[in-house]
Structures are given as C-alpha cells and as structure tokens.
Amino acid sequence: MIVKYIRNNKRIPSGVVVVMRNDNNEIKFGWSLHRKDDGHFIKSRGLNIAIGRAKNGTDELMPMTVARVLQDSNFIDRCKKYFKQNNLM
C-alpha cells in the first residue's frame, strides 16, 4: 500500500491518499481530507477513512486537491514501480 499525505502551504498534513490492491487483486485508491471546521487533521483517522474508501468505493466527488495528487507524474511513477504495472487506473 502506498500512502501520500496532502500538506497545506505550511507543510501541515491536511489529507491523505492511499493506493492499494483490494481482495480481487485490483488496484484501487482512496482519500480523506480534513474539514476546515473540524479542528486539525488526525492522521490515523484519515488513513482509516482512505483505506475504507479504497476497499469499498465511494459516491462522493473527488476534490481537486486529491485529483492533483493522482495526476502527479512522480506519484504515478512511484505507483507503477511499486505495483509493477504500467496501467494503473
């Protein structure tokens, strides 16, 4: 499983993206972002939410912050190397 924390301008974690294989050996991703009115981001809680979304899917729209991470060529190259697969999504 690959874990990438999303950080704000002050380098404080504000979200997380995970990429992992599910029970059917498919590569899936999940994400969690902190709500601005909800205090600070709790890494363990965010990681659990992101893993749950990767395993079960979600109907929620993906925020642009998460989309930017998934479009980052360095992150995609890291995933390809980790999963030894050229086509990820």
Protein backbone atom coordinates (compact mmCIF):
# COMPACT_ATOMS: atom_id res chain seq x y z
CA MET A 1 0.00 0.00 0.00
CA ILE A 2 1.24 3.48 -0.86
CA VAL A 3 0.36 6.37 1.44
CA LYS A 4 0.77 10.01 0.36
CA TYR A 5 -0.11 12.80 2.76
CA ILE A 6 -1.50 16.02 1.33
CA ARG A 7 0.04 19.04 3.01
CA ASN A 8 -1.01 22.70 3.10
CA ASN A 9 1.27 25.69 2.43
CA LYS A 10 2.72 25.42 5.93
CA ARG A 11 3.58 21.72 5.33
CA ILE A 12 0.94 20.60 7.85
CA PRO A 13 -0.94 17.40 6.81
CA SER A 14 -4.47 18.15 5.65
CA GLY A 15 -5.37 14.89 3.90
CA VAL A 16 -4.18 11.51 2.69
CA VAL A 17 -4.35 9.42 -0.49
CA VAL A 18 -3.78 5.64 -0.47
CA VAL A 19 -3.32 3.27 -3.38
CA MET A 20 -3.67 -0.44 -2.66
CA ARG A 21 -4.80 -3.79 -4.00
CA ASN A 22 -8.25 -4.92 -2.94
CA ASP A 23 -9.38 -8.51 -2.27
CA ASN A 24 -9.85 -9.07 -6.04
CA ASN A 25 -6.22 -8.01 -6.69
CA GLU A 26 -7.40 -4.78 -8.37
CA ILE A 27 -5.52 -1.54 -7.76
CA LYS A 28 -7.80 0.98 -6.04
CA PHE A 29 -7.31 4.37 -4.42
CA GLY A 30 -8.96 6.08 -1.50
CA TRP A 31 -8.68 9.53 0.01
CA SER A 32 -9.56 11.59 3.03
CA LEU A 33 -9.40 15.36 3.52
CA HIS A 34 -9.79 17.34 6.70
CA ARG A 35 -12.79 19.63 7.02
CA LYS A 36 -11.81 23.22 7.74
CA ASP A 37 -14.34 23.50 10.58
CA ASP A 38 -13.22 20.24 12.23
CA GLY A 39 -10.03 21.29 14.04
CA HIS A 40 -6.83 19.64 12.87
CA PHE A 41 -6.28 16.58 10.65
CA ILE A 42 -5.83 13.31 12.57
CA LYS A 43 -3.54 11.05 10.53
CA SER A 44 -4.83 7.73 11.90
CA ARG A 45 -8.48 8.65 11.34
CA GLY A 46 -7.75 9.99 7.84
CA LEU A 47 -5.82 6.85 6.94
CA ASN A 48 -8.69 4.61 8.10
CA ILE A 49 -11.20 6.61 6.03
CA ALA A 50 -8.95 6.49 2.94
CA ILE A 51 -8.43 2.72 3.27
CA GLY A 52 -12.18 2.22 3.67
CA ARG A 53 -12.85 4.22 0.50
CA ALA A 54 -10.22 2.21 -1.38
CA LYS A 55 -11.79 -1.08 -0.30
CA ASN A 56 -15.47 -0.16 -0.61
CA GLY A 57 -15.51 2.74 -3.07
CA THR A 58 -17.37 6.00 -2.58
CA ASP A 59 -20.06 8.04 -4.29
CA GLU A 60 -18.52 11.33 -3.18
CA LEU A 61 -16.93 13.63 -5.73
CA MET A 62 -13.16 13.72 -5.61
CA PRO A 63 -11.84 17.12 -4.50
CA MET A 64 -9.36 18.91 -6.78
CA THR A 65 -6.65 18.55 -4.12
CA VAL A 66 -6.87 14.76 -4.41
CA ALA A 67 -7.09 14.87 -8.21
CA ARG A 68 -3.83 16.85 -8.33
CA VAL A 69 -2.04 14.15 -6.34
CA LEU A 70 -3.38 11.40 -8.63
CA GLN A 71 -2.26 13.36 -11.72
CA ASP A 72 1.26 13.99 -10.39
CA SER A 73 3.68 12.12 -12.66
CA ASN A 74 6.10 11.40 -9.80
CA PHE A 75 3.32 9.80 -7.75
CA ILE A 76 2.11 7.77 -10.74
CA ASP A 77 5.66 6.57 -11.45
CA ARG A 78 6.01 5.57 -7.80
CA CYS A 79 2.77 3.55 -8.00
CA LYS A 80 3.77 1.86 -11.26
CA LYS A 81 7.08 0.81 -9.78
CA TYR A 82 5.51 -0.39 -6.52
CA PHE A 83 2.73 -2.43 -8.16
CA LYS A 84 4.92 -3.44 -11.15
CA GLN A 85 2.14 -2.43 -13.53
CA ASN A 86 2.10 0.15 -16.32
CA ASN A 87 -1.64 0.84 -16.44
CA LEU A 88 -2.97 1.77 -13.03
CA MET A 89 -6.32 3.49 -13.48
